[in-house]
Amino acid sequence: MHKAVATSSRAEVFAAIVEKFDMVCIAAKCTKECQACTQCHYAIEQMSALAQGEPTSGLCPKLESCVQTCLEILACVAERCNVHCYDGDCTSCNAMAKRMFTIICQQTNMLTLSHIQYEGTCPRLFNDMAEEYVARKRRVAA
């Protein structure tokens, strides 16, 4: 992750980080914390159901529909479906990703890197980069 932060341009760093998130793996490692967190708990159930081809409760319709249409679920999620975590469709996914991004941002001192050029906090950087990421993905899809 450090390499992605250090070598990616500002325009590429958000995708370089969030497209590597393995939500199933992360969720499995924080079971106690996730049980106490409604957003995390739903994300665990959602990813587990989708990975097993089972129906979900539909709280994140675009993300869930996109994942279900993917044949190679994990690779496809990063490439095609990940954007729905950041476009307002799924607040639980966005909240979980923001927490992980913020930790990575702090651990890599991302705000001080010359190629990032950002004055603000890690959570605000996440919001700004998520917005830019969604806009780029929409332009490519159009």
C-alpha atoms as a PDB file:
ATOM      1  CA  MET A   1       0.000   0.000   0.000  1.00  0.00           C
ATOM      2  CA  HIS A   2       2.885   2.367   0.793  1.00  0.00           C
ATOM      3  CA  LYS A   3       4.192   1.930  -2.768  1.00  0.00           C
ATOM      4  CA  ALA A   4       0.803   2.782  -4.282  1.00  0.00           C
ATOM      5  CA  VAL A   5       0.613   5.968  -2.200  1.00  0.00           C
ATOM      6  CA  ALA A   6       4.193   7.001  -2.950  1.00  0.00           C
ATOM      7  CA  THR A   7       4.219   6.281  -6.686  1.00  0.00           C
ATOM      8  CA  SER A   8       0.677   7.073  -7.830  1.00  0.00           C
ATOM      9  CA  SER A   9      -0.342  10.520  -9.014  1.00  0.00           C
ATOM     10  CA  ARG A  10      -2.945  12.400  -6.996  1.00  0.00           C
ATOM     11  CA  ALA A  11      -5.534  11.463  -9.611  1.00  0.00           C
ATOM     12  CA  GLU A  12      -4.628   7.767  -9.333  1.00  0.00           C
ATOM     13  CA  VAL A  13      -3.927   7.320  -5.596  1.00  0.00           C
ATOM     14  CA  PHE A  14      -7.555   6.900  -4.462  1.00  0.00           C
ATOM     15  CA  ALA A  15      -8.226   4.104  -6.974  1.00  0.00           C
ATOM     16  CA  ALA A  16      -4.847   2.537  -6.193  1.00  0.00           C
ATOM     17  CA  ILE A  17      -5.889   2.253  -2.544  1.00  0.00           C
ATOM     18  CA  VAL A  18      -9.602   1.440  -2.596  1.00  0.00           C
ATOM     19  CA  GLU A  19      -9.474  -1.036  -5.470  1.00  0.00           C
ATOM     20  CA  LYS A  20      -7.134  -3.165  -3.355  1.00  0.00           C
ATOM     21  CA  PHE A  21      -9.485  -3.343  -0.367  1.00  0.00           C
ATOM     22  CA  ASP A  22     -10.553  -6.937   0.249  1.00  0.00           C
ATOM     23  CA  MET A  23     -13.766  -6.313   2.182  1.00  0.00           C
ATOM     24  CA  VAL A  24     -14.371  -9.987   2.943  1.00  0.00           C
ATOM     25  CA  CYS A  25     -10.881 -10.462   4.389  1.00  0.00           C
ATOM     26  CA  ILE A  26     -10.999  -7.237   6.375  1.00  0.00           C
ATOM     27  CA  ALA A  27     -14.437  -7.971   7.760  1.00  0.00           C
ATOM     28  CA  ALA A  28     -13.395 -11.465   8.847  1.00  0.00           C
ATOM     29  CA  LYS A  29     -10.547 -10.000  10.911  1.00  0.00           C
ATOM     30  CA  CYS A  30     -12.681  -7.549  12.880  1.00  0.00           C
ATOM     31  CA  THR A  31     -15.618  -9.707  13.897  1.00  0.00           C
ATOM     32  CA  LYS A  32     -16.094  -8.276  17.432  1.00  0.00           C
ATOM     33  CA  GLU A  33     -15.784  -4.683  16.235  1.00  0.00           C
ATOM     34  CA  CYS A  34     -18.026  -5.349  13.256  1.00  0.00           C
ATOM     35  CA  GLN A  35     -20.735  -6.945  15.359  1.00  0.00           C
ATOM     36  CA  ALA A  36     -20.959  -3.694  17.317  1.00  0.00           C
ATOM     37  CA  CYS A  37     -20.958  -1.542  14.160  1.00  0.00           C
ATOM     38  CA  THR A  38     -24.188  -1.584  12.139  1.00  0.00           C
ATOM     39  CA  GLN A  39     -22.457  -0.431   8.949  1.00  0.00           C
ATOM     40  CA  CYS A  40     -19.633  -2.961   9.276  1.00  0.00           C
ATOM     41  CA  HIS A  41     -22.033  -5.761  10.157  1.00  0.00           C
ATOM     42  CA  TYR A  42     -24.148  -5.112   7.070  1.00  0.00           C
ATOM     43  CA  ALA A  43     -21.009  -4.984   4.901  1.00  0.00           C
ATOM     44  CA  ILE A  44     -19.960  -8.418   6.219  1.00  0.00           C
ATOM     45  CA  GLU A  45     -23.391  -9.919   5.555  1.00  0.00           C
ATOM     46  CA  GLN A  46     -23.603  -8.266   2.146  1.00  0.00           C
ATOM     47  CA  MET A  47     -20.202  -9.486   0.939  1.00  0.00           C
ATOM     48  CA  SER A  48     -20.736 -12.958   2.363  1.00  0.00           C
ATOM     49  CA  ALA A  49     -24.117 -13.325   0.658  1.00  0.00           C
ATOM     50  CA  LEU A  50     -22.844 -11.972  -2.652  1.00  0.00           C
ATOM     51  CA  ALA A  51     -19.781 -14.230  -2.590  1.00  0.00           C
ATOM     52  CA  GLN A  52     -22.071 -17.227  -2.037  1.00  0.00           C
ATOM     53  CA  GLY A  53     -24.613 -16.169  -4.664  1.00  0.00           C
ATOM     54  CA  GLU A  54     -27.314 -15.628  -2.038  1.00  0.00           C
ATOM     55  CA  PRO A  55     -29.796 -12.732  -1.998  1.00  0.00           C
ATOM     56  CA  THR A  56     -29.065  -9.630   0.076  1.00  0.00           C
ATOM     57  CA  SER A  57     -31.436  -7.249   1.818  1.00  0.00           C
ATOM     58  CA  GLY A  58     -30.973  -4.713  -0.968  1.00  0.00           C
ATOM     59  CA  LEU A  59     -29.788  -1.727   1.069  1.00  0.00           C
ATOM     60  CA  CYS A  60     -27.199  -0.946  -1.630  1.00  0.00           C
ATOM     61  CA  PRO A  61     -29.071  -1.798  -4.833  1.00  0.00           C
ATOM     62  CA  LYS A  62     -26.638  -0.579  -7.499  1.00  0.00           C
ATOM     63  CA  LEU A  63     -23.595  -2.095  -5.806  1.00  0.00           C
ATOM     64  CA  GLU A  64     -25.339  -5.406  -5.136  1.00  0.00           C
ATOM     65  CA  SER A  65     -26.805  -5.659  -8.630  1.00  0.00           C
ATOM     66  CA  CYS A  66     -23.445  -4.931 -10.224  1.00  0.00           C
ATOM     67  CA  VAL A  67     -21.661  -7.512  -8.072  1.00  0.00           C
ATOM     68  CA  GLN A  68     -24.260 -10.151  -8.899  1.00  0.00           C
ATOM     69  CA  THR A  69     -23.656  -9.695 -12.633  1.00  0.00           C
ATOM     70  CA  CYS A  70     -19.917 -10.281 -12.297  1.00  0.00           C
ATOM     71  CA  LEU A  71     -18.570 -13.718 -13.111  1.00  0.00           C
ATOM     72  CA  GLU A  72     -15.243 -13.281 -11.377  1.00  0.00           C
ATOM     73  CA  ILE A  73     -16.630 -11.590  -8.316  1.00  0.00           C
ATOM     74  CA  LEU A  74     -13.584 -10.180  -6.515  1.00  0.00           C
ATOM     75  CA  ALA A  75     -11.674  -8.929  -9.573  1.00  0.00           C
ATOM     76  CA  CYS A  76     -14.861  -7.634 -11.143  1.00  0.00           C
ATOM     77  CA  VAL A  77     -15.916  -5.780  -8.003  1.00  0.00           C
ATOM     78  CA  ALA A  78     -12.730  -3.715  -8.009  1.00  0.00           C
ATOM     79  CA  GLU A  79     -12.981  -2.921 -11.709  1.00  0.00           C
ATOM     80  CA  ARG A  80     -16.704  -2.398 -12.289  1.00  0.00           C
ATOM     81  CA  CYS A  81     -18.655  -2.243  -9.045  1.00  0.00           C
ATOM     82  CA  ASN A  82     -16.365  -0.459  -6.598  1.00  0.00           C
ATOM     83  CA  VAL A  83     -17.591   2.948  -7.783  1.00  0.00           C
ATOM     84  CA  HIS A  84     -21.008   2.308  -6.213  1.00  0.00           C
ATOM     85  CA  CYS A  85     -19.360   2.281  -2.795  1.00  0.00           C
ATOM     86  CA  TYR A  86     -18.529   5.965  -3.368  1.00  0.00           C
ATOM     87  CA  ASP A  87     -21.401   7.315  -5.507  1.00  0.00           C
ATOM     88  CA  GLY A  88     -23.938   7.573  -2.676  1.00  0.00           C
ATOM     89  CA  ASP A  89     -25.527   4.158  -3.278  1.00  0.00           C
ATOM     90  CA  CYS A  90     -24.119   2.452  -0.203  1.00  0.00           C
ATOM     91  CA  THR A  91     -23.327   4.461   2.918  1.00  0.00           C
ATOM     92  CA  SER A  92     -22.167   1.407   4.894  1.00  0.00           C
ATOM     93  CA  CYS A  93     -19.564   0.549   2.255  1.00  0.00           C
ATOM     94  CA  ASN A  94     -18.458   4.178   2.054  1.00  0.00           C
ATOM     95  CA  ALA A  95     -18.099   4.448   5.842  1.00  0.00           C
ATOM     96  CA  MET A  96     -16.009   1.285   6.048  1.00  0.00           C
ATOM     97  CA  ALA A  97     -13.786   2.377   3.139  1.00  0.00           C
ATOM     98  CA  LYS A  98     -13.365   5.821   4.685  1.00  0.00           C
ATOM     99  CA  ARG A  99     -12.144   4.281   7.934  1.00  0.00           C
ATOM    100  CA  MET A 100      -9.608   2.120   6.103  1.00  0.00           C
ATOM    101  CA  PHE A 101      -8.489   4.969   3.812  1.00  0.00           C
ATOM    102  CA  THR A 102      -8.025   7.278   6.806  1.00  0.00           C
ATOM    103  CA  ILE A 103      -5.767   4.751   8.544  1.00  0.00           C
ATOM    104  CA  ILE A 104      -3.688   4.304   5.372  1.00  0.00           C
ATOM    105  CA  CYS A 105      -3.561   8.081   4.888  1.00  0.00           C
ATOM    106  CA  GLN A 106      -2.267   8.583   8.431  1.00  0.00           C
ATOM    107  CA  GLN A 107       0.205   5.681   8.328  1.00  0.00           C
ATOM    108  CA  THR A 108       1.747   6.881   5.057  1.00  0.00           C
ATOM    109  CA  ASN A 109       1.682  10.597   5.942  1.00  0.00           C
ATOM    110  CA  MET A 110      -0.213  11.049   2.692  1.00  0.00           C
ATOM    111  CA  LEU A 111      -1.156  14.674   3.405  1.00  0.00           C
ATOM    112  CA  THR A 112       2.510  15.701   3.441  1.00  0.00           C
ATOM    113  CA  LEU A 113       3.420  14.052   0.132  1.00  0.00           C
ATOM    114  CA  SER A 114       4.241  16.576  -2.593  1.00  0.00           C
ATOM    115  CA  HIS A 115       2.289  14.741  -5.296  1.00  0.00           C
ATOM    116  CA  ILE A 116      -0.883  14.720  -3.194  1.00  0.00           C
ATOM    117  CA  GLN A 117      -0.847  18.463  -2.414  1.00  0.00           C
ATOM    118  CA  TYR A 118      -3.700  18.553   0.075  1.00  0.00           C
ATOM    119  CA  GLU A 119      -4.260  20.811   3.047  1.00  0.00           C
ATOM    120  CA  GLY A 120      -6.920  19.297   5.250  1.00  0.00           C
ATOM    121  CA  THR A 121      -7.664  16.068   7.068  1.00  0.00           C
ATOM    122  CA  CYS A 122      -7.494  12.478   5.864  1.00  0.00           C
ATOM    123  CA  PRO A 123     -11.294  12.029   6.021  1.00  0.00           C
ATOM    124  CA  ARG A 124     -11.786  15.194   3.918  1.00  0.00           C
ATOM    125  CA  LEU A 125      -9.183  13.955   1.442  1.00  0.00           C
ATOM    126  CA  PHE A 126     -11.161  10.719   1.203  1.00  0.00           C
ATOM    127  CA  ASN A 127     -14.354  12.661   0.439  1.00  0.00           C
ATOM    128  CA  ASP A 128     -12.676  14.804  -2.211  1.00  0.00           C
ATOM    129  CA  MET A 129     -10.892  11.874  -3.839  1.00  0.00           C
ATOM    130  CA  ALA A 130     -14.018   9.716  -3.754  1.00  0.00           C
ATOM    131  CA  GLU A 131     -15.909  12.443  -5.606  1.00  0.00           C
ATOM    132  CA  GLU A 132     -13.126  12.714  -8.222  1.00  0.00           C
ATOM    133  CA  TYR A 133     -12.988   8.913  -8.543  1.00  0.00           C
ATOM    134  CA  VAL A 134     -16.733   8.648  -9.199  1.00  0.00           C
ATOM    135  CA  ALA A 135     -16.561  11.438 -11.784  1.00  0.00           C
ATOM    136  CA  ARG A 136     -13.684   9.675 -13.605  1.00  0.00           C
ATOM    137  CA  LYS A 137     -15.482   6.310 -13.562  1.00  0.00           C
ATOM    138  CA  ARG A 138     -18.635   7.928 -14.966  1.00  0.00           C
ATOM    139  CA  ARG A 139     -16.669   9.571 -17.797  1.00  0.00           C
ATOM    140  CA  VAL A 140     -15.091   6.221 -18.722  1.00  0.00           C
ATOM    141  CA  ALA A 141     -18.464   4.445 -18.628  1.00  0.00           C
ATOM    142  CA  ALA A 142     -20.125   7.083 -20.819  1.00  0.00           C
END
